[in-house]
Protein backbone atom coordinates (compact mmCIF):
# COMPACT_ATOMS: atom_id res chain seq x y z
CA UNK A 1 -58.75 -16.04 76.15
CA UNK A 2 -57.17 -13.61 73.35
CA UNK A 3 -56.83 -10.22 74.69
CA UNK A 4 -58.24 -7.25 72.91
CA UNK A 5 -55.96 -4.63 71.45
CA UNK A 6 -56.82 -2.20 74.25
CA UNK A 7 -55.82 -4.74 76.91
CA UNK A 8 -52.51 -5.24 75.20
CA UNK A 9 -51.64 -1.65 75.50
CA UNK A 10 -51.84 -1.60 79.18
CA UNK A 11 -48.82 -3.49 80.03
CA UNK A 12 -46.38 -1.68 77.85
CA UNK A 13 -47.73 1.64 79.41
CA UNK A 14 -47.09 0.12 83.19
CA UNK A 15 -43.52 -0.80 81.83
CA UNK A 16 -42.96 2.87 80.46
CA UNK A 17 -44.10 4.29 83.76
CA UNK A 18 -41.79 1.90 85.75
CA UNK A 19 -38.94 2.75 83.57
CA UNK A 20 -39.42 6.75 83.96
CA UNK A 21 -39.66 6.18 87.73
CA UNK A 22 -36.24 4.33 87.79
CA UNK A 23 -34.70 6.91 85.54
CA UNK A 24 -36.01 9.98 87.15
CA UNK A 25 -35.00 8.55 90.68
CA UNK A 26 -31.56 7.91 89.29
CA UNK A 27 -31.00 11.52 88.13
CA UNK A 28 -32.50 12.71 91.35
CA UNK A 29 -29.98 10.67 93.18
CA UNK A 30 -27.12 12.02 91.42
CA UNK A 31 -28.56 15.58 92.00
CA UNK A 32 -28.85 14.97 95.74
CA UNK A 33 -25.36 13.60 96.08
CA UNK A 34 -23.72 16.29 93.78
CA UNK A 35 -21.81 13.30 92.07
CA UNK A 36 -22.68 12.33 88.49
CA UNK A 37 -22.11 8.56 89.18
CA UNK A 38 -24.11 8.20 92.40
CA UNK A 39 -27.30 6.46 91.95
CA UNK A 40 -30.07 5.37 94.16
CA UNK A 41 -30.77 1.82 95.29
CA UNK A 42 -27.95 2.15 97.79
CA UNK A 43 -25.76 3.80 95.42
CA UNK A 44 -24.87 0.53 93.46
CA UNK A 45 -25.69 2.17 90.17
CA UNK A 46 -27.25 -0.87 89.14
CA UNK A 47 -30.22 0.92 87.64
CA UNK A 48 -28.10 2.24 84.83
CA UNK A 49 -27.74 -1.27 83.70
CA UNK A 50 -31.32 -1.62 82.73
CA UNK A 51 -33.41 1.75 83.23
CA UNK A 52 -32.55 2.83 79.55
CA UNK A 53 -32.56 -0.25 77.83
CA UNK A 54 -36.10 -0.90 79.20
CA UNK A 55 -37.18 2.28 77.72
CA UNK A 56 -35.62 1.30 74.19
CA UNK A 57 -37.32 -2.28 74.54
CA UNK A 58 -40.48 -0.51 75.12
CA UNK A 59 -40.28 1.76 72.18
CA UNK A 60 -39.33 -1.17 70.08
CA UNK A 61 -42.53 -2.83 71.47
CA UNK A 62 -44.58 -0.47 69.22
CA UNK A 63 -42.73 -0.70 66.10
CA UNK A 64 -45.00 -2.06 62.98
CA UNK A 65 -42.87 -2.97 60.24
CA UNK A 66 -45.69 -3.56 57.94
CA UNK A 67 -46.87 -0.07 58.38
CA UNK A 68 -43.45 1.49 58.09
CA UNK A 69 -43.23 -0.15 54.90
CA UNK A 70 -46.67 1.18 53.70
CA UNK A 71 -46.13 4.74 54.94
CA UNK A 72 -44.21 7.31 52.93
CA UNK A 73 -40.73 7.56 54.48
CA UNK A 74 -40.82 11.45 54.46
CA UNK A 75 -44.22 11.62 56.31
CA UNK A 76 -43.04 8.82 58.73
CA UNK A 77 -39.98 10.64 59.73
CA UNK A 78 -41.57 14.04 59.84
CA UNK A 79 -43.96 12.64 62.36
CA UNK A 80 -41.11 11.47 64.40
CA UNK A 81 -39.29 14.74 64.06
CA UNK A 82 -42.50 16.31 65.57
CA UNK A 83 -42.70 13.61 68.48
CA UNK A 84 -38.97 13.60 69.40
CA UNK A 85 -36.81 16.24 67.98
CA UNK A 86 -38.96 19.53 68.50
CA UNK A 87 -39.46 18.61 72.27
CA UNK A 88 -35.78 17.90 72.39
CA UNK A 89 -34.77 21.27 71.33
CA UNK A 90 -37.76 23.02 73.05
CA UNK A 91 -37.09 21.61 76.42
CA UNK A 92 -33.39 22.20 75.97
CA UNK A 93 -34.06 25.88 75.34
CA UNK A 94 -36.23 26.20 78.17
CA UNK A 95 -33.53 24.50 80.48
CA UNK A 96 -30.93 27.01 79.31
CA UNK A 97 -33.11 30.03 79.72
CA UNK A 98 -34.28 29.06 83.26
CA UNK A 99 -30.78 28.00 84.31
CA UNK A 100 -28.75 30.79 82.45
CA UNK A 101 -26.68 28.26 80.53
CA UNK A 102 -25.31 28.97 77.08
CA UNK A 103 -27.56 27.92 74.10
CA UNK A 104 -25.93 25.50 71.60
CA UNK A 105 -28.54 23.64 69.73
CA UNK A 106 -26.17 20.81 68.85
CA UNK A 107 -25.76 20.27 72.41
CA UNK A 108 -29.59 19.45 72.82
CA UNK A 109 -28.89 16.17 71.07
CA UNK A 110 -26.65 15.06 73.60
CA UNK A 111 -28.35 16.55 76.51
CA UNK A 112 -31.32 14.44 75.77
CA UNK A 113 -29.38 11.73 74.26
CA UNK A 114 -32.00 9.08 74.56
CA UNK A 115 -34.42 10.83 72.36
CA UNK A 116 -31.59 11.42 69.72
CA UNK A 117 -30.73 7.64 69.86
CA UNK A 118 -34.51 6.71 69.43
CA UNK A 119 -34.97 8.97 66.59
CA UNK A 120 -31.82 7.83 64.80
CA UNK A 121 -32.64 4.14 65.57
CA UNK A 122 -36.11 4.77 64.02
CA UNK A 123 -34.69 6.34 60.98
CA UNK A 124 -32.26 3.39 60.42
CA UNK A 125 -35.01 0.81 60.83
CA UNK A 126 -37.28 2.90 58.27
CA UNK A 127 -34.67 2.78 55.72
CA UNK A 128 -33.66 -0.90 56.56
CA UNK A 129 -37.45 -1.85 56.29
CA UNK A 130 -37.91 -0.18 53.03
CA UNK A 131 -34.97 -1.83 51.40
CA UNK A 132 -35.06 -5.16 52.98
CA UNK A 133 -38.59 -7.19 53.09
CA UNK A 134 -37.46 -9.94 55.40
CA UNK A 135 -37.96 -8.84 59.09
CA UNK A 136 -35.21 -11.26 60.15
CA UNK A 137 -32.75 -10.03 57.48
CA UNK A 138 -33.73 -6.53 58.30
CA UNK A 139 -33.00 -6.93 61.85
CA UNK A 140 -29.67 -8.72 61.43
CA UNK A 141 -28.15 -6.32 58.71
CA UNK A 142 -29.32 -2.98 60.51
CA UNK A 143 -27.72 -4.19 63.65
CA UNK A 144 -24.56 -5.13 61.87
CA UNK A 145 -24.28 -1.66 60.00
CA UNK A 146 -24.88 0.18 63.43
CA UNK A 147 -22.19 -1.75 65.33
CA UNK A 148 -19.63 -1.49 62.61
CA UNK A 149 -19.77 2.17 61.32
CA UNK A 150 -17.36 4.60 63.06
CA UNK A 151 -18.72 7.18 65.61
CA UNK A 152 -21.98 5.30 66.03
CA UNK A 153 -21.35 5.81 69.85
CA UNK A 154 -22.79 9.10 69.40
CA UNK A 155 -25.73 9.42 71.87
CA UNK A 156 -25.03 5.84 72.64
CA UNK A 157 -26.81 4.76 69.57
CA UNK A 158 -24.81 1.66 68.79
CA UNK A 159 -25.61 0.28 72.39
CA UNK A 160 -29.33 1.28 72.36
CA UNK A 161 -30.17 0.04 68.86
CA UNK A 162 -30.36 -3.59 69.44
CA UNK A 163 -32.66 -3.10 72.33
CA UNK A 164 -35.30 -1.72 70.03
CA UNK A 165 -35.46 -4.93 68.08
CA UNK A 166 -35.66 -6.91 71.37
CA UNK A 167 -38.84 -4.98 72.01
CA UNK A 168 -40.18 -5.69 68.58
CA UNK A 169 -39.52 -9.44 69.10
CA UNK A 170 -40.46 -9.79 72.57
CA UNK A 171 -43.99 -8.39 71.84
CA UNK A 172 -44.23 -11.20 69.26
CA UNK A 173 -43.37 -13.63 71.96
CA UNK A 174 -45.57 -12.20 74.67
CA UNK A 175 -48.62 -12.16 72.40
CA UNK A 176 -48.62 -15.77 71.59
CA UNK A 177 -50.40 -16.36 74.94
CA UNK A 178 -48.43 -19.19 75.66
CA UNK A 179 -48.05 -18.64 79.28
CA UNK A 180 -45.42 -21.38 80.02
CA UNK A 181 -43.07 -19.79 77.56
CA UNK A 182 -43.61 -16.41 79.50
CA UNK A 183 -42.95 -18.31 82.71
CA UNK A 184 -39.90 -19.85 81.64
CA UNK A 185 -38.42 -16.72 79.94
CA UNK A 186 -39.03 -14.71 83.07
CA UNK A 187 -37.31 -17.22 85.22
CA UNK A 188 -34.25 -17.68 83.23
CA UNK A 189 -33.94 -13.96 82.52
CA UNK A 190 -34.26 -13.12 86.35
CA UNK A 191 -31.79 -15.70 87.27
CA UNK A 192 -29.48 -14.68 84.76
CA UNK A 193 -29.84 -10.91 85.61
CA UNK A 194 -29.45 -11.48 89.25
CA UNK A 195 -26.30 -13.45 88.68
CA UNK A 196 -24.90 -10.64 86.51
CA UNK A 197 -25.68 -8.13 89.21
CA UNK A 198 -22.91 -9.49 91.29
CA UNK A 199 -20.26 -8.28 88.88
CA UNK A 200 -21.73 -5.02 88.17
CA UNK A 201 -19.97 -1.74 88.74
CA UNK A 202 -20.52 1.74 87.53
CA UNK A 203 -17.35 1.54 85.21
CA UNK A 204 -19.23 -0.94 83.13
CA UNK A 205 -21.82 1.76 82.10
CA UNK A 206 -22.05 2.73 78.49
CA UNK A 207 -21.68 6.25 79.68
CA UNK A 208 -18.13 5.61 80.91
CA UNK A 209 -16.95 3.02 78.30
CA UNK A 210 -18.96 3.57 74.98
CA UNK A 211 -18.17 1.13 72.25
CA UNK A 212 -15.89 2.94 69.84
CA UNK A 213 -15.26 0.73 66.74
CA UNK A 214 -12.09 2.52 65.90
CA UNK A 215 -10.60 1.60 69.27
CA UNK A 216 -12.24 -1.64 69.96
CA UNK A 217 -10.55 -4.17 72.08
CA UNK A 218 -11.67 -7.51 73.66
CA UNK A 219 -12.27 -5.97 77.09
CA UNK A 220 -14.51 -3.44 75.73
CA UNK A 221 -16.34 -5.97 73.49
CA UNK A 222 -17.02 -8.03 76.42
CA UNK A 223 -18.18 -5.20 78.58
CA UNK A 224 -20.68 -4.35 75.71
CA UNK A 225 -22.00 -8.00 75.61
CA UNK A 226 -22.29 -7.94 79.32
CA UNK A 227 -24.30 -4.90 79.65
CA UNK A 228 -26.38 -5.78 76.87
CA UNK A 229 -27.27 -9.23 78.46
CA UNK A 230 -28.08 -7.49 81.79
CA UNK A 231 -30.16 -4.83 80.10
CA UNK A 232 -32.31 -7.65 78.62
CA UNK A 233 -32.49 -10.00 81.46
CA UNK A 234 -33.49 -7.36 84.03
CA UNK A 235 -36.06 -5.85 81.65
CA UNK A 236 -37.86 -9.02 80.76
CA UNK A 237 -39.17 -9.64 84.29
CA UNK A 238 -40.64 -6.20 84.46
CA UNK A 239 -42.46 -6.73 81.40
CA UNK A 240 -43.65 -9.95 82.48
CA UNK A 241 -44.66 -8.44 86.10
CA UNK A 242 -46.65 -5.62 83.96
CA UNK A 243 -48.53 -8.26 81.75
CA UNK A 244 -49.57 -10.35 84.80
CA UNK A 245 -51.17 -7.51 86.60
CA UNK A 246 -52.72 -5.72 83.61
CA UNK A 247 -56.18 -7.38 84.33
CA UNK A 248 -56.15 -6.27 87.90
CA UNK A 249 -58.43 -3.42 89.22
CA UNK A 250 -55.69 -0.71 89.47
CA UNK A 251 -53.71 -1.71 86.52
CA UNK A 252 -55.45 0.99 84.30
CA UNK A 253 -54.88 3.58 86.74
CA UNK A 254 -51.31 2.85 87.10
CA UNK A 255 -50.76 2.48 83.13
CA UNK A 256 -52.33 5.76 82.48
CA UNK A 257 -49.21 7.49 83.74
CA UNK A 258 -47.24 5.98 80.82
CA UNK A 259 -48.32 8.68 78.49
CA UNK A 260 -46.49 11.29 80.51
CA UNK A 261 -43.07 9.66 80.04
CA UNK A 262 -41.64 12.20 77.56
CA UNK A 263 -42.56 15.15 79.46
CA UNK A 264 -41.41 13.72 82.92
CA UNK A 265 -38.09 12.94 81.03
CA UNK A 266 -37.64 16.26 79.58
CA UNK A 267 -38.88 18.27 82.51
CA UNK A 268 -36.79 16.27 85.12
CA UNK A 269 -33.56 17.82 83.81
CA UNK A 270 -34.80 21.42 84.64
CA UNK A 271 -36.12 20.29 88.03
CA UNK A 272 -32.78 18.47 88.99
CA UNK A 273 -30.66 21.45 87.84
CA UNK A 274 -32.66 24.11 89.82
CA UNK A 275 -32.64 21.50 92.81
CA UNK A 276 -29.03 21.17 92.57
CA UNK A 277 -28.35 24.88 92.72
CA UNK A 278 -30.46 24.98 96.00
CA UNK A 279 -28.59 22.09 97.52
CA UNK A 280 -25.37 23.57 96.49
CA UNK A 281 -26.15 27.09 97.98
CA UNK A 282 -27.02 25.54 101.26
CA UNK A 283 -24.45 22.90 101.17
CA UNK A 284 -27.21 20.20 101.43
CA UNK A 285 -25.48 17.36 99.39
CA UNK A 286 -25.23 13.98 101.02
CA UNK A 287 -23.73 10.61 100.17
CA UNK A 288 -25.92 8.74 102.71
CA UNK A 289 -27.81 6.47 100.39
CA UNK A 290 -30.80 5.86 102.61
CA UNK A 291 -31.50 9.56 102.66
CA UNK A 292 -30.60 9.73 98.91
CA UNK A 293 -33.00 6.93 98.12
CA UNK A 294 -35.85 8.58 100.13
CA UNK A 295 -35.39 12.10 98.86
CA UNK A 296 -34.80 10.81 95.17
CA UNK A 297 -38.22 8.90 95.18
CA UNK A 298 -39.94 11.96 96.82
CA UNK A 299 -38.57 14.43 94.25
CA UNK A 300 -39.63 11.77 91.47
CA UNK A 301 -43.22 12.13 92.83
CA UNK A 302 -42.87 15.96 92.50
CA UNK A 303 -41.48 15.78 89.03
CA UNK A 304 -44.35 13.45 88.01
CA UNK A 305 -47.08 15.67 89.62
CA UNK A 306 -45.71 18.81 87.91
CA UNK A 307 -45.27 16.92 84.50
CA UNK A 308 -49.03 15.97 84.67
CA UNK A 309 -49.91 19.43 85.47
CA UNK A 310 -47.93 20.73 82.49
CA UNK A 311 -49.49 18.11 80.18
CA UNK A 312 -53.03 18.72 81.32
CA UNK A 313 -52.51 22.58 80.76
CA UNK A 314 -50.89 22.15 77.23
CA UNK A 315 -52.02 19.01 75.51
CA UNK A 316 -55.39 20.92 74.28
CA UNK A 317 -53.36 23.71 73.01
CA UNK A 318 -52.08 23.25 69.52
CA UNK A 319 -48.85 25.08 69.45
CA UNK A 320 -47.92 24.29 73.20
CA UNK A 321 -48.72 20.62 72.53
CA UNK A 322 -46.32 20.35 69.60
CA UNK A 323 -43.50 22.12 71.08
CA UNK A 324 -43.62 20.68 74.70
CA UNK A 325 -45.42 17.27 74.10
CA UNK A 326 -44.51 16.19 70.46
CA UNK A 327 -48.30 15.81 69.85
């Protein structure tokens, strides 16, 4: 049976919500431990390998090259500026005011680096799609350009960019409704991802070893390939799982939280900074990962609840909606 457009939108929203839970719990874990590279799931840091790649894959899921080519470039990028850049700056300013940090607008683009990487990636894809009519050629050449130009490691752009194309092509594959392809893809991806997890260590994170073209070496290139493969192979089973449960009774209730991902992501930084100061004041930081995991997940629930409340109070107010939600 061919699914309707409404049904096809459910599993991407479920994936987005799963991704934001992983990201938020990871940030909360770092706050609780007081260490930047301490993460939940037993402190392995394995979530770093696929949480942001999954986010980027789901962003690529919604790319429509035909629409991009037919839409005025300025209008299209202006809409993305409203959606991504304005909330980035707004929430950064709120963060600085509430935490008494010095305001430097350029720092906002590294503070919320994912939104910067997504905006830049969409800009590159828009220009590429306008110049190149072949989707395959557009994909290949835009990836080459991003990977070879100097300083493209800013906001992890050269690492995140290929994932947005992965999402674009995964959607095409999943929408064929050939279940045996999805089953085999999930099995192979999960097997490879689990094997790669054995060799994972936090120093392989793109945050520690970004791909700098001007100083590239064999080890760095292999690390780049490794984390790209593990990012894809651990994301695909999550997408597959979301697709399989989208017809269940509770799927829509779960998926509706996917629309809160941007505000959860932006607000969580403020919550964690304030929470960190409380923990520091009372010397309550801990490195016991069972405690970290429990408190991180509990904090994540609080962040989601408050984010939903902020969304409900602002999405019907035009100015507040633009500034805080990008809507």
